[in-house]
Protein backbone atom coordinates (compact mmCIF):
# COMPACT_ATOMS: atom_id res chain seq x y z
CA MET A 1 -167.48 58.01 -18.56
CA ALA A 2 -169.41 55.28 -18.02
CA LYS A 3 -168.08 52.71 -15.70
CA GLY A 4 -166.34 49.70 -17.34
CA TYR A 5 -166.13 51.58 -20.77
CA GLY A 6 -164.19 49.69 -23.41
CA ARG A 7 -164.50 46.64 -21.67
CA MET A 8 -166.48 43.73 -23.22
CA PRO A 9 -169.37 43.07 -21.08
CA GLY A 10 -169.04 39.62 -19.00
CA MET A 11 -165.16 39.48 -19.54
CA GLY A 12 -163.01 40.51 -16.96
CA GLY A 13 -159.82 42.35 -18.00
CA GLY A 14 -157.36 39.20 -17.44
CA MET A 15 -159.40 37.14 -19.62
CA ASN A 16 -159.15 39.33 -22.16
CA MET A 17 -155.66 39.95 -22.25
CA ASN A 18 -155.37 36.23 -22.18
CA MET A 19 -157.42 35.89 -25.45
CA ILE A 20 -155.10 38.78 -26.68
CA LYS A 21 -151.96 37.14 -26.17
CA GLN A 22 -153.19 33.68 -27.12
CA ALA A 23 -154.20 35.14 -30.66
CA GLN A 24 -151.14 37.04 -31.05
CA LYS A 25 -149.09 33.60 -30.44
CA MET A 26 -151.43 31.95 -32.79
CA GLN A 27 -150.68 34.76 -35.48
CA GLN A 28 -147.03 34.45 -35.14
CA ASP A 29 -146.56 30.54 -34.95
CA MET A 30 -148.75 30.94 -38.70
CA LEU A 31 -146.34 33.61 -39.75
CA ARG A 32 -143.53 30.95 -38.87
CA MET A 33 -145.10 28.16 -40.65
CA GLN A 34 -145.84 30.09 -43.71
CA GLN A 35 -142.42 31.13 -44.06
CA GLU A 36 -141.48 27.16 -43.59
CA LEU A 37 -144.15 26.08 -46.38
CA GLN A 38 -142.62 28.73 -48.45
CA GLU A 39 -138.68 27.20 -48.02
CA LYS A 40 -140.02 23.80 -48.66
CA GLU A 41 -139.71 21.88 -51.83
CA TYR A 42 -142.24 19.63 -53.47
CA SER A 43 -141.61 16.93 -56.05
CA ALA A 44 -143.75 15.07 -58.67
CA ALA A 45 -143.23 13.08 -61.54
CA SER A 46 -145.52 11.81 -64.69
CA GLY A 47 -145.12 9.33 -67.56
CA GLY A 48 -143.82 6.86 -65.49
CA GLY A 49 -141.04 8.90 -64.00
CA VAL A 50 -139.67 10.31 -67.45
CA VAL A 51 -140.71 14.04 -65.77
CA THR A 52 -140.07 14.98 -62.77
CA ALA A 53 -141.24 18.52 -61.57
CA THR A 54 -139.96 20.22 -57.89
CA VAL A 55 -141.32 23.58 -57.15
CA SER A 56 -141.08 25.70 -54.03
CA GLY A 57 -144.03 26.32 -51.40
CA LYS A 58 -144.36 29.90 -53.13
CA HIS A 59 -145.31 27.75 -56.26
CA GLU A 60 -142.09 28.54 -57.93
CA LEU A 61 -140.79 25.93 -60.36
CA LYS A 62 -137.23 24.95 -58.99
CA ASN A 63 -136.28 22.00 -60.56
CA LEU A 64 -137.28 19.96 -64.11
CA VAL A 65 -135.74 16.67 -65.06
CA ILE A 66 -136.40 14.99 -68.51
CA ASP A 67 -135.38 11.32 -69.32
CA PRO A 68 -133.97 11.64 -72.52
CA GLU A 69 -136.22 8.87 -74.17
CA ALA A 70 -139.38 11.07 -73.41
CA VAL A 71 -138.00 13.25 -75.89
CA ASP A 72 -139.50 12.56 -79.28
CA PRO A 73 -139.43 15.04 -81.86
CA GLU A 74 -142.20 13.31 -83.47
CA ASP A 75 -144.84 13.71 -80.29
CA VAL A 76 -143.70 16.92 -78.51
CA GLU A 77 -147.40 17.40 -77.47
CA MET A 78 -147.06 14.08 -74.96
CA LEU A 79 -143.58 15.75 -73.32
CA GLN A 80 -145.70 18.76 -72.99
CA ASP A 81 -148.75 17.26 -71.16
CA MET A 82 -146.17 15.16 -69.35
CA ILE A 83 -144.60 18.28 -67.99
CA VAL A 84 -147.83 20.24 -67.02
CA ALA A 85 -148.90 17.00 -65.17
CA ALA A 86 -145.66 16.50 -63.00
CA VAL A 87 -145.63 21.10 -62.24
CA ASN A 88 -149.59 20.54 -61.43
CA GLU A 89 -148.96 17.44 -59.04
CA ALA A 90 -146.03 19.29 -57.45
CA MET A 91 -147.98 22.05 -56.96
CA ARG A 92 -151.03 20.18 -55.69
CA ALA A 93 -148.75 18.63 -52.98
CA ALA A 94 -147.44 22.11 -52.10
CA ASP A 95 -151.14 23.30 -51.49
CA THR A 96 -152.14 19.87 -49.44
CA ASP A 97 -149.32 20.15 -47.18
CA ALA A 98 -149.74 23.73 -46.83
CA ALA A 99 -153.64 23.35 -45.78
CA ASN A 100 -152.74 20.31 -43.58
CA THR A 101 -150.27 22.46 -41.67
CA MET A 102 -152.42 25.33 -41.24
CA GLN A 103 -155.35 23.34 -40.35
CA SER A 104 -153.16 21.37 -37.34
CA LEU A 105 -151.91 24.85 -36.31
CA THR A 106 -155.68 26.34 -36.03
CA GLY A 107 -157.53 23.30 -34.83
CA GLY A 108 -160.00 23.32 -37.88
CA LEU A 109 -160.96 27.01 -37.25
CA ASN A 110 -161.44 29.16 -40.33
CA LEU A 111 -159.48 32.27 -40.11
CA GLY A 112 -159.03 33.13 -43.75
CA GLY A 113 -161.51 36.12 -43.17
CA LEU A 114 -159.40 37.41 -40.40
CA GLY A 115 -155.96 38.02 -41.86
CA LEU A 116 -154.33 35.34 -40.00
């Protein structure tokens, strides 16, 4: 077996282990952050506040509040549109928070392809 087999050229063993430890810590931090984000709740309103949707970080609808004044049997489509708008805005809030949190953790590195 050649001397130094299994090592990357120009990298000392200590530096390589340090990089591995840092990567493992970052992965643990990211997993913890993902769990925290999934437990958070995000709310958004539409129609001037007559419809409010709350979603989890897992993108599950947790609560939907509809002001009785928003219920017009002659205009069900408007109510449906307000519900969709509120839910979508709450989902966007969850996605934005997740992206900002991960970016702050990784320093802007794109690690999506690494499975981290």
